[in-house]
Amino acid sequence: MPDIVLATINAKWIHPSLALRLLKANLEDYENRAAILEFALRQPLAEKTGPILGAAPRILAFSVSIWNHKATVELLEALNKAWGRASRPVIILGGPEASYLPAESALIRHADWVVHGEGELVFRDLCGLLLGNNVAYGGASDSSAQDWTEGIKTLPPVKGVHGKFIEAHIVDTASIDPGYRLYTEEDLCRKLTYIEASRGCPFGCEFCLSSRHGDAEPRVREFPLEPFLGEIEELIRRGARSFKFLDRTFNLSLKRCQGIMEFLLDHLKPEMYVHFEMVPARFPLELRELLCRFPAGSLRVEVGIQTFNPHTAALIGRPSDPEGELEVLAFLGRETKAIVHADLIAGLPGEDMVSFAVGFDRLWEVRPTEIQLGILKYLPGTPITRHSDAFGMRYASDPPYEVLETAALSIRDLDRIKNFARFWELIVNRRAFADLGLFPEGEAIFSRFMELSDWLLLRFGRNWGIDQKELRKALELHQTEGCV
């Protein structure tokens, strides 16, 4: 039986958690006393509770993100019903969602400890104190809790302990085990392989948790290059074929970016692909030449545009160069064989339907492979809410905390955009109906597709669970008869 269980609920089965592997890999003497349990959102609840109850750990740690918040609460509630007081483990929560929730939230009420920030070193030391002091169950109420609470306050990686909350220093990337050795053969051959060459972001977009970095903190920290390349080489040798880089600004340092991409080009194997998130403002000639060398199917590039409205971009602290960004996207589509994914966000402060439509049409002109239309979300801890009063912004109280209305976009406007986004994913991004020629060249797309998505919702009464054959029939009807 493991003393420590590291658990999370992944969005899908193909998304293994690098966070859990990092935590386990850095437990040092306690690594062999820890086990990883991963679940998927759509798994039945009993398939999640059973393995945890069977493991009977002394410490149960959950990594919580915006997409698994509700499912984690549901799981913890079910576990509490099954546990007797004598068998309840110490519960530790971490991850971006747990880090900034108020103490009274349902999720946090289940925790004995909540780690704010990067948890590798703090979690190791917490486990050492808990297991070393033989604290077995419900840490907050154990008779020896005071001893290890005081001990935690003296640990080097910890800046402060406030009740059950522990604030961690940012991690020196050169000092930690990256955890890739803990990917199993099944992970590497059948799932995405998440890796990170750097952490952090130099920018301060207010809807992102990176905007919380302090002026005294290094905004971007790089993993030492040579060991990192050695880790990639070993992963490829073991069978990895789909690498997704977690770096928010992979092309920030041209020299490092070149070194990694040249290494990957030298080691490409059949059916292997890599996914980078890149900053559109940093595409010099040297980078463009490298991107052009990747064969078809081997490269996926994500470019965050978010808004083409310069006033809105300035409000939220986001660098903006619409013409330059469009030129980069045009280059990627014209000169490379990459699958290009471009992001736009609806509901940002000050941007109305007309402005958003203009931006969407400009993006459509350069034809990225996919346009991901997202709705602004309030991530707990981010400063985007400072605009709430001035711009009439109201958010849902439950995750994913989407904006419900703004002074510039009504509830109906945003509901229409959400419906637009869903049908755009089904019809355009998935390229299932390209043969129908739905969108002639040279025509503005936003208003045309908005009318179509409104009509489809009226026809089907929903935008999910629609049979593809039925959707095709509806599209053909709309096209030939001009239904409204």
Protein backbone atom coordinates (compact mmCIF):
# COMPACT_ATOMS: atom_id res chain seq x y z
CA MET A 1 0.00 0.00 0.00
CA PRO A 2 1.44 3.41 -0.90
CA ASP A 3 1.76 5.97 1.88
CA ILE A 4 1.20 8.77 -0.67
CA VAL A 5 -1.32 8.83 -3.52
CA LEU A 6 -1.00 11.57 -6.14
CA ALA A 7 -4.27 11.92 -8.01
CA THR A 8 -5.98 14.06 -10.61
CA ILE A 9 -8.87 13.97 -13.06
CA ASN A 10 -7.63 14.62 -16.58
CA ALA A 11 -9.80 16.20 -19.26
CA LYS A 12 -9.39 13.09 -21.42
CA TRP A 13 -7.61 9.77 -21.17
CA ILE A 14 -4.95 10.87 -23.66
CA HIS A 15 -3.81 13.75 -21.39
CA PRO A 16 -1.45 12.40 -18.73
CA SER A 17 -0.58 14.77 -15.89
CA LEU A 18 2.99 16.03 -15.91
CA ALA A 19 2.30 17.75 -12.57
CA LEU A 20 1.83 14.44 -10.76
CA ARG A 21 4.99 13.01 -12.28
CA LEU A 22 6.97 16.08 -11.22
CA LEU A 23 5.71 15.77 -7.65
CA LYS A 24 6.54 12.06 -7.44
CA ALA A 25 9.94 12.41 -9.12
CA ASN A 26 11.00 15.03 -6.57
CA LEU A 27 9.92 13.20 -3.42
CA GLU A 28 13.48 11.86 -3.03
CA ASP A 29 13.43 9.28 -0.20
CA TYR A 30 9.64 9.10 -0.36
CA GLU A 31 9.30 8.42 -4.08
CA ASN A 32 9.05 4.67 -3.67
CA ARG A 33 6.28 5.21 -1.12
CA ALA A 34 4.10 7.12 -3.59
CA ALA A 35 1.72 6.06 -6.37
CA ILE A 36 0.02 8.01 -9.17
CA LEU A 37 -3.70 7.53 -9.86
CA GLU A 38 -5.16 9.31 -12.90
CA PHE A 39 -8.77 9.43 -13.97
CA ALA A 40 -10.74 10.98 -16.83
CA LEU A 41 -13.68 13.35 -16.54
CA ARG A 42 -16.15 10.95 -18.14
CA GLN A 43 -15.23 7.98 -15.99
CA PRO A 44 -17.99 6.83 -13.63
CA LEU A 45 -17.52 8.04 -10.07
CA ALA A 46 -17.12 4.50 -8.73
CA GLU A 47 -14.13 3.97 -11.01
CA LYS A 48 -12.48 6.94 -9.28
CA THR A 49 -13.34 6.21 -5.67
CA GLY A 50 -12.51 2.49 -5.85
CA PRO A 51 -8.75 2.73 -6.56
CA ILE A 52 -8.25 5.48 -3.95
CA LEU A 53 -10.13 3.63 -1.23
CA GLY A 54 -8.27 0.45 -2.15
CA ALA A 55 -4.90 2.18 -1.89
CA ALA A 56 -5.73 3.47 1.64
CA PRO A 57 -2.97 6.13 1.59
CA ARG A 58 -1.86 8.19 4.56
CA ILE A 59 -1.52 11.25 2.29
CA LEU A 60 -3.85 11.98 -0.62
CA ALA A 61 -2.83 14.85 -2.91
CA PHE A 62 -4.95 16.26 -5.74
CA SER A 63 -3.86 18.49 -8.60
CA VAL A 64 -6.82 20.75 -9.40
CA SER A 65 -7.42 22.82 -12.53
CA ILE A 66 -10.39 24.76 -13.81
CA TRP A 67 -11.70 21.84 -15.89
CA ASN A 68 -11.67 19.28 -13.05
CA HIS A 69 -12.73 21.50 -10.14
CA LYS A 70 -16.33 20.27 -9.97
CA ALA A 71 -15.37 16.65 -10.56
CA THR A 72 -12.74 16.83 -7.79
CA VAL A 73 -15.28 18.19 -5.30
CA GLU A 74 -17.68 15.41 -6.27
CA LEU A 75 -14.95 12.82 -5.80
CA LEU A 76 -13.86 14.18 -2.41
CA GLU A 77 -17.46 14.23 -1.19
CA ALA A 78 -17.91 10.60 -2.22
CA LEU A 79 -14.65 9.61 -0.53
CA ASN A 80 -15.65 11.35 2.70
CA LYS A 81 -18.86 9.33 2.79
CA ALA A 82 -16.86 6.12 2.39
CA TRP A 83 -14.09 6.91 4.85
CA GLY A 84 -14.44 6.30 8.53
CA ARG A 85 -12.72 8.76 10.83
CA ALA A 86 -10.00 6.20 11.46
CA SER A 87 -9.12 5.86 7.77
CA ARG A 88 -9.26 9.38 6.40
CA PRO A 89 -5.90 10.44 4.93
CA VAL A 90 -4.32 13.87 5.14
CA ILE A 91 -5.59 15.73 2.07
CA ILE A 92 -3.32 18.16 0.23
CA LEU A 93 -4.51 20.23 -2.71
CA GLY A 94 -2.48 22.10 -5.30
CA GLY A 95 -2.59 23.25 -8.88
CA PRO A 96 -3.70 26.51 -10.51
CA GLU A 97 -7.35 26.22 -9.45
CA ALA A 98 -6.73 25.38 -5.79
CA SER A 99 -4.07 28.03 -5.36
CA TYR A 100 -6.29 31.10 -5.21
CA LEU A 101 -9.72 29.96 -4.05
CA PRO A 102 -11.11 31.39 -0.80
CA ALA A 103 -10.97 29.25 2.33
CA GLU A 104 -14.76 28.93 2.44
CA SER A 105 -15.07 27.36 -1.02
CA ALA A 106 -16.36 23.79 -1.17
CA LEU A 107 -13.09 22.48 -2.60
CA ILE A 108 -10.84 24.05 0.01
CA ARG A 109 -13.06 22.89 2.90
CA HIS A 110 -12.03 19.32 2.07
CA ALA A 111 -8.30 20.08 2.42
CA ASP A 112 -5.94 19.88 5.35
CA TRP A 113 -3.30 21.77 3.37
CA VAL A 114 -3.34 23.84 0.16
CA VAL A 115 -0.11 24.64 -1.66
CA HIS A 116 0.04 27.97 -3.48
CA GLY A 117 2.41 27.95 -6.46
CA GLU A 118 4.94 25.40 -7.70
CA GLY A 119 4.75 22.43 -5.40
CA GLU A 120 7.69 20.13 -6.07
CA LEU A 121 9.83 21.11 -3.08
CA VAL A 122 7.09 22.12 -0.66
CA PHE A 123 5.18 18.89 -1.26
CA ARG A 124 8.32 16.82 -0.64
CA ASP A 125 8.93 18.60 2.66
CA LEU A 126 5.29 18.36 3.69
CA CYS A 127 5.33 14.61 3.14
CA GLY A 128 8.55 14.33 5.11
CA LEU A 129 7.06 16.17 8.08
CA LEU A 130 3.77 14.28 7.97
CA LEU A 131 5.27 10.82 7.62
CA GLY A 132 8.25 11.58 9.83
CA ASN A 133 5.97 12.71 12.66
CA ASN A 134 3.69 9.75 11.99
CA VAL A 135 0.71 12.02 11.32
CA ALA A 136 -1.63 9.52 9.79
CA TYR A 137 -5.15 10.92 9.51
CA GLY A 138 -6.82 14.31 9.19
CA GLY A 139 -3.73 16.43 9.82
CA ALA A 140 -5.56 19.52 11.03
CA SER A 141 -7.04 17.68 13.99
CA ASP A 142 -4.18 15.33 14.89
CA SER A 143 -2.56 15.79 18.29
CA SER A 144 0.86 16.26 16.74
CA ALA A 145 -0.36 18.78 14.14
CA GLN A 146 1.16 21.74 15.99
CA ASP A 147 4.63 20.20 15.88
CA TRP A 148 4.80 19.83 12.14
CA THR A 149 2.93 23.07 11.53
CA GLU A 150 5.75 24.88 13.28
CA GLY A 151 8.25 22.75 11.36
CA ILE A 152 6.70 23.75 8.05
CA LYS A 153 7.20 27.42 8.87
CA THR A 154 10.96 26.93 9.05
CA LEU A 155 11.40 25.09 5.76
CA PRO A 156 13.59 26.90 3.18
CA PRO A 157 11.16 26.63 0.23
CA VAL A 158 8.28 28.18 2.16
CA LYS A 159 7.60 31.90 2.43
CA GLY A 160 4.55 31.75 4.65
CA VAL A 161 1.98 29.51 6.25
CA HIS A 162 -1.46 31.04 6.71
CA GLY A 163 -3.85 28.59 8.29
CA LYS A 164 -4.01 25.66 5.90
CA PHE A 165 -2.43 27.62 3.04
CA ILE A 166 1.27 27.25 2.23
CA GLU A 167 2.88 29.75 -0.14
CA ALA A 168 5.80 28.26 -2.05
CA HIS A 169 8.77 29.96 -3.64
CA ILE A 170 9.07 29.60 -7.40
CA VAL A 171 11.22 26.60 -8.26
CA ASP A 172 14.75 26.73 -9.62
CA THR A 173 14.27 24.64 -12.76
CA ALA A 174 17.88 23.44 -12.66
CA SER A 175 17.35 21.83 -9.27
CA ILE A 176 14.41 19.53 -9.96
CA ASP A 177 13.84 16.19 -11.64
CA PRO A 178 11.60 16.87 -14.70
CA GLY A 179 9.72 13.62 -14.10
CA TYR A 180 9.72 12.33 -17.69
CA ARG A 181 11.12 8.98 -16.58
CA LEU A 182 7.76 8.30 -14.92
CA TYR A 183 5.85 8.24 -18.21
CA THR A 184 4.88 4.62 -18.83
CA GLU A 185 5.16 2.79 -22.13
CA GLU A 186 1.40 3.20 -22.58
CA ASP A 187 1.70 6.95 -21.89
CA LEU A 188 4.40 7.39 -24.53
CA CYS A 189 2.88 5.22 -27.23
CA ARG A 190 -0.80 6.10 -26.86
CA LYS A 191 -1.06 9.51 -25.18
CA LEU A 192 0.30 13.02 -25.51
CA THR A 193 3.75 13.55 -23.99
CA TYR A 194 3.82 16.84 -22.11
CA ILE A 195 7.22 18.47 -21.66
CA GLU A 196 8.46 21.93 -20.69
CA ALA A 197 11.62 23.70 -21.80
CA SER A 198 10.79 26.78 -19.70
CA ARG A 199 8.34 28.09 -17.14
CA GLY A 200 6.67 31.46 -16.89
CA CYS A 201 5.83 34.27 -19.28
CA PRO A 202 7.35 37.74 -19.75
CA PHE A 203 3.97 39.32 -20.40
CA GLY A 204 1.22 40.37 -18.03
CA CYS A 205 -2.10 39.65 -19.75
CA GLU A 206 -4.63 40.15 -16.98
CA PHE A 207 -6.79 37.12 -17.79
CA CYS A 208 -3.79 34.79 -17.26
CA LEU A 209 -2.21 33.58 -14.01
CA SER A 210 1.18 34.67 -15.35
CA SER A 211 0.06 38.23 -14.62
CA ARG A 212 0.57 37.51 -10.92
CA HIS A 213 4.36 37.39 -11.13
CA GLY A 214 6.12 39.88 -8.89
CA ASP A 215 8.68 42.37 -10.15
CA ALA A 216 11.39 40.69 -8.07
CA GLU A 217 10.69 37.25 -9.54
CA PRO A 218 12.26 35.94 -12.76
CA ARG A 219 9.41 35.93 -15.24
CA VAL A 220 10.79 33.11 -17.39
CA ARG A 221 12.98 30.27 -16.11
CA GLU A 222 14.64 27.88 -18.53
CA PHE A 223 15.48 24.24 -17.97
CA PRO A 224 19.17 23.56 -18.72
CA LEU A 225 19.28 22.85 -22.44
CA GLU A 226 21.63 19.88 -22.77
CA PRO A 227 19.95 17.74 -20.07
CA PHE A 228 16.57 18.68 -21.55
CA LEU A 229 17.59 17.49 -25.02
CA GLY A 230 18.90 14.29 -23.47
CA GLU A 231 15.50 13.72 -21.84
CA ILE A 232 13.75 14.19 -25.21
CA GLU A 233 16.12 11.75 -26.87
CA GLU A 234 15.38 9.15 -24.20
CA LEU A 235 11.63 9.68 -24.55
CA ILE A 236 11.87 9.17 -28.33
CA ARG A 237 13.94 6.02 -27.76
CA ARG A 238 11.21 4.72 -25.44
CA GLY A 239 8.50 5.32 -28.05
CA ALA A 240 7.17 8.86 -27.58
CA ARG A 241 5.65 10.25 -30.77
CA SER A 242 3.49 13.26 -29.76
CA PHE A 243 5.28 16.03 -27.87
CA LYS A 244 3.27 18.95 -26.53
CA PHE A 245 5.43 21.73 -25.11
CA LEU A 246 3.86 23.51 -22.14
CA ASP A 247 5.98 26.63 -22.64
CA ARG A 248 3.76 29.69 -22.99
CA THR A 249 6.33 31.47 -25.15
CA PHE A 250 8.42 28.79 -26.81
CA ASN A 251 10.08 31.18 -29.28
CA LEU A 252 11.00 33.81 -26.67
CA SER A 253 14.71 32.93 -26.84
CA LEU A 254 15.67 32.45 -30.49
CA LYS A 255 18.91 30.59 -29.73
CA ARG A 256 17.22 28.02 -27.46
CA CYS A 257 14.26 27.72 -29.81
CA GLN A 258 16.60 27.01 -32.72
CA GLY A 259 18.58 24.45 -30.75
CA ILE A 260 15.49 22.51 -29.70
CA MET A 261 13.86 22.61 -33.14
CA GLU A 262 17.04 21.51 -34.93
CA PHE A 263 17.37 18.64 -32.45
CA LEU A 264 13.79 17.58 -33.09
CA LEU A 265 14.23 17.78 -36.86
CA ASP A 266 17.28 15.51 -36.56
CA HIS A 267 15.28 13.00 -34.49
CA LEU A 268 11.91 13.03 -36.27
CA LYS A 269 10.39 9.61 -36.80
CA PRO A 270 7.32 8.54 -38.79
CA GLU A 271 4.02 9.62 -37.18
CA MET A 272 5.85 11.89 -34.73
CA TYR A 273 4.69 15.46 -34.20
CA VAL A 274 5.49 18.41 -31.92
CA HIS A 275 3.22 21.18 -30.66
CA PHE A 276 4.54 24.64 -29.73
CA GLU A 277 2.80 27.75 -28.41
CA MET A 278 4.57 30.71 -30.01
CA VAL A 279 4.52 34.48 -29.64
CA PRO A 280 3.52 36.03 -32.99
CA ALA A 281 5.81 39.04 -32.44
CA ARG A 282 8.98 36.90 -32.55
CA PHE A 283 9.29 35.24 -35.97
CA PRO A 284 12.68 36.27 -37.39
CA LEU A 285 14.01 34.78 -40.63
CA GLU A 286 16.04 32.08 -38.86
CA LEU A 287 12.93 30.74 -37.11
CA ARG A 288 10.89 30.84 -40.30
CA GLU A 289 13.48 28.79 -42.15
CA LEU A 290 13.37 26.13 -39.43
CA LEU A 291 9.58 25.98 -39.43
CA CYS A 292 9.59 25.41 -43.19
CA ARG A 293 11.73 22.29 -42.76
CA PHE A 294 9.13 20.33 -40.79
CA PRO A 295 7.31 17.82 -43.02
CA ALA A 296 3.52 17.66 -43.27
CA GLY A 297 1.85 16.32 -40.13
CA SER A 298 4.88 16.82 -37.88
CA LEU A 299 4.32 20.37 -36.62
CA ARG A 300 1.48 22.10 -34.79
CA VAL A 301 1.80 25.78 -33.91
CA GLU A 302 -0.52 27.58 -31.51
CA VAL A 303 -0.60 31.37 -31.76
CA GLY A 304 -2.50 33.39 -29.17
CA ILE A 305 -4.11 36.40 -30.84
CA GLN A 306 -6.98 36.95 -28.33
CA THR A 307 -8.02 40.36 -29.72
CA PHE A 308 -7.31 42.68 -32.63
CA ASN A 309 -8.78 45.64 -30.76
CA PRO A 310 -5.79 47.76 -29.65
CA HIS A 311 -7.77 49.62 -26.97
CA THR A 312 -8.91 46.36 -25.36
CA ALA A 313 -5.40 44.90 -25.61
CA ALA A 314 -3.97 47.95 -23.82
CA LEU A 315 -6.59 47.70 -21.07
CA ILE A 316 -5.59 44.13 -20.19
CA GLY A 317 -1.83 44.61 -20.55
CA ARG A 318 -1.45 42.54 -23.70
CA PRO A 319 1.11 43.52 -26.36
CA SER A 320 -0.70 44.04 -29.67
CA ASP A 321 0.49 44.31 -33.27
CA PRO A 322 -2.43 43.22 -35.47
CA GLU A 323 -0.66 43.71 -38.80
CA GLY A 324 2.43 41.84 -37.66
CA GLU A 325 0.35 39.02 -36.18
CA LEU A 326 -1.63 38.60 -39.38
CA GLU A 327 1.57 38.57 -41.43
CA VAL A 328 2.97 35.76 -39.26
CA LEU A 329 -0.22 33.72 -39.62
CA ALA A 330 -0.21 34.30 -43.40
CA PHE A 331 3.40 33.12 -43.57
CA LEU A 332 2.62 29.97 -41.56
CA GLY A 333 -0.26 29.10 -43.86
CA ARG A 334 1.56 29.96 -47.06
CA GLU A 335 5.11 28.73 -46.49
CA THR A 336 4.94 25.93 -43.91
CA LYS A 337 3.12 22.61 -43.64
CA ALA A 338 2.17 23.28 -40.02
CA ILE A 339 -1.27 22.84 -38.51
CA VAL A 340 -1.90 26.37 -37.23
CA HIS A 341 -4.20 26.98 -34.26
CA ALA A 342 -5.14 30.62 -33.55
CA ASP A 343 -6.99 31.78 -30.42
CA LEU A 344 -9.51 34.60 -30.04
CA ILE A 345 -11.34 35.55 -26.83
CA ALA A 346 -14.84 37.02 -26.76
CA GLY A 347 -16.02 39.13 -23.84
CA LEU A 348 -12.86 41.12 -23.12
CA PRO A 349 -13.44 44.54 -21.53
CA GLY A 350 -14.59 47.19 -23.97
CA GLU A 351 -14.95 44.96 -27.04
CA ASP A 352 -18.43 44.81 -28.57
CA MET A 353 -19.92 42.51 -31.20
CA VAL A 354 -18.91 44.76 -34.11
CA SER A 355 -15.26 44.93 -32.99
CA PHE A 356 -15.12 41.18 -32.36
CA ALA A 357 -16.67 40.42 -35.74
CA VAL A 358 -14.12 42.64 -37.51
CA GLY A 359 -11.28 40.84 -35.72
CA PHE A 360 -12.69 37.41 -36.54
CA ASP A 361 -13.05 38.33 -40.21
CA ARG A 362 -9.46 39.60 -40.32
CA LEU A 363 -8.25 36.33 -38.82
CA TRP A 364 -10.32 34.31 -41.28
CA GLU A 365 -8.67 36.09 -44.20
CA VAL A 366 -5.33 34.41 -43.45
CA ARG A 367 -6.97 31.01 -42.97
CA PRO A 368 -5.33 29.37 -39.94
CA THR A 369 -6.09 25.65 -39.80
CA GLU A 370 -8.21 26.16 -36.68
CA ILE A 371 -9.73 29.21 -35.01
CA GLN A 372 -10.37 28.53 -31.35
CA LEU A 373 -13.07 30.94 -30.22
CA GLY A 374 -13.01 31.11 -26.43
CA ILE A 375 -15.14 33.01 -23.92
CA LEU A 376 -13.31 35.11 -21.34
CA LYS A 377 -12.95 33.30 -18.03
CA TYR A 378 -12.11 34.73 -14.65
CA LEU A 379 -9.33 32.54 -13.30
CA PRO A 380 -9.21 32.97 -9.51
CA GLY A 381 -6.27 35.15 -8.59
CA THR A 382 -6.04 37.07 -11.86
CA PRO A 383 -6.51 40.87 -11.95
CA ILE A 384 -9.00 40.90 -14.85
CA THR A 385 -11.78 41.67 -12.34
CA ARG A 386 -10.43 45.17 -11.79
CA HIS A 387 -12.36 46.08 -14.94
CA SER A 388 -15.68 44.65 -13.71
CA ASP A 389 -17.32 47.88 -12.56
CA ALA A 390 -16.03 50.14 -15.32
CA PHE A 391 -17.05 47.73 -18.10
CA GLY A 392 -20.10 46.09 -16.56
CA MET A 393 -18.55 42.63 -16.47
CA ARG A 394 -20.37 39.84 -14.66
CA TYR A 395 -18.95 36.31 -14.37
CA ALA A 396 -20.43 32.92 -13.49
CA SER A 397 -19.70 32.00 -9.87
CA ASP A 398 -18.90 28.38 -10.72
CA PRO A 399 -16.06 27.05 -12.88
CA PRO A 400 -15.17 27.69 -15.65
CA TYR A 401 -16.18 31.23 -14.50
CA GLU A 402 -17.13 32.45 -17.96
CA VAL A 403 -18.17 36.06 -18.42
CA LEU A 404 -21.96 36.23 -18.61
CA GLU A 405 -22.34 39.78 -19.85
CA THR A 406 -20.46 43.04 -20.26
CA ALA A 407 -21.54 46.59 -20.93
CA ALA A 408 -20.60 45.97 -24.57
CA LEU A 409 -22.03 42.44 -24.93
CA SER A 410 -25.40 41.37 -23.54
CA ILE A 411 -26.20 37.93 -22.19
CA ARG A 412 -27.88 37.15 -25.52
CA ASP A 413 -24.83 38.34 -27.47
CA LEU A 414 -22.51 36.09 -25.51
CA ASP A 415 -24.90 33.14 -25.73
CA ARG A 416 -24.95 33.56 -29.51
CA ILE A 417 -21.15 33.66 -29.62
CA LYS A 418 -20.94 30.49 -27.49
CA ASN A 419 -23.30 28.76 -29.91
CA PHE A 420 -21.26 30.12 -32.85
CA ALA A 421 -18.09 28.68 -31.26
CA ARG A 422 -19.60 25.23 -30.82
CA PHE A 423 -20.85 24.97 -34.41
CA TRP A 424 -17.59 26.45 -35.70
CA GLU A 425 -15.73 23.61 -34.00
CA LEU A 426 -18.09 20.99 -35.46
CA ILE A 427 -18.25 22.38 -38.99
CA VAL A 428 -15.06 24.30 -39.72
CA ASN A 429 -12.27 23.26 -37.35
CA ARG A 430 -12.98 19.56 -37.81
CA ARG A 431 -13.11 19.99 -41.61
CA ALA A 432 -15.89 17.44 -41.95
CA PHE A 433 -17.85 19.43 -44.55
CA ALA A 434 -15.15 21.07 -46.66
CA ASP A 435 -16.65 19.51 -49.80
CA LEU A 436 -19.82 21.59 -49.45
CA GLY A 437 -18.04 24.87 -50.24
CA LEU A 438 -19.97 26.70 -47.52
CA PHE A 439 -17.79 29.79 -47.37
CA PRO A 440 -16.81 31.39 -50.70
CA GLU A 441 -13.46 33.16 -50.92
CA GLY A 442 -13.51 36.89 -50.39
CA GLU A 443 -16.65 36.99 -48.24
CA ALA A 444 -16.76 38.13 -44.62
CA ILE A 445 -17.38 35.07 -42.49
CA PHE A 446 -18.58 36.19 -39.07
CA SER A 447 -22.06 37.49 -39.87
CA ARG A 448 -22.66 34.65 -42.36
CA PHE A 449 -21.70 31.95 -39.85
CA MET A 450 -23.58 33.66 -37.01
CA GLU A 451 -26.77 33.47 -39.06
CA LEU A 452 -26.03 29.80 -39.83
CA SER A 453 -25.31 28.87 -36.22
CA ASP A 454 -28.48 30.67 -35.03
CA TRP A 455 -30.48 28.70 -37.61
CA LEU A 456 -28.87 25.36 -36.66
CA LEU A 457 -29.64 25.90 -32.97
CA LEU A 458 -33.25 26.68 -33.83
CA ARG A 459 -33.47 23.58 -36.04
CA PHE A 460 -31.86 21.08 -33.64
CA GLY A 461 -32.62 22.72 -30.30
CA ARG A 462 -29.05 22.04 -29.18
CA ASN A 463 -25.45 22.28 -30.35
CA TRP A 464 -24.21 18.98 -28.98
CA GLY A 465 -24.91 15.30 -29.71
CA ILE A 466 -25.88 15.99 -33.34
CA ASP A 467 -25.41 13.13 -35.76
CA GLN A 468 -22.96 14.12 -38.49
CA LYS A 469 -25.27 12.89 -41.25
CA GLU A 470 -28.12 14.99 -39.88
CA LEU A 471 -25.85 17.99 -39.62
CA ARG A 472 -24.77 17.53 -43.24
CA LYS A 473 -28.40 17.38 -44.38
CA ALA A 474 -29.15 20.61 -42.51
CA LEU A 475 -26.13 22.36 -44.04
CA GLU A 476 -27.13 21.25 -47.53
CA LEU A 477 -30.68 22.49 -46.94
CA HIS A 478 -29.48 25.84 -45.68
CA GLN A 479 -27.12 26.17 -48.62
CA THR A 480 -29.56 25.26 -51.39
CA GLU A 481 -32.72 26.91 -50.06
CA GLY A 482 -31.24 29.86 -48.24
CA CYS A 483 -33.17 29.05 -45.07
CA VAL A 484 -33.46 31.77 -42.47
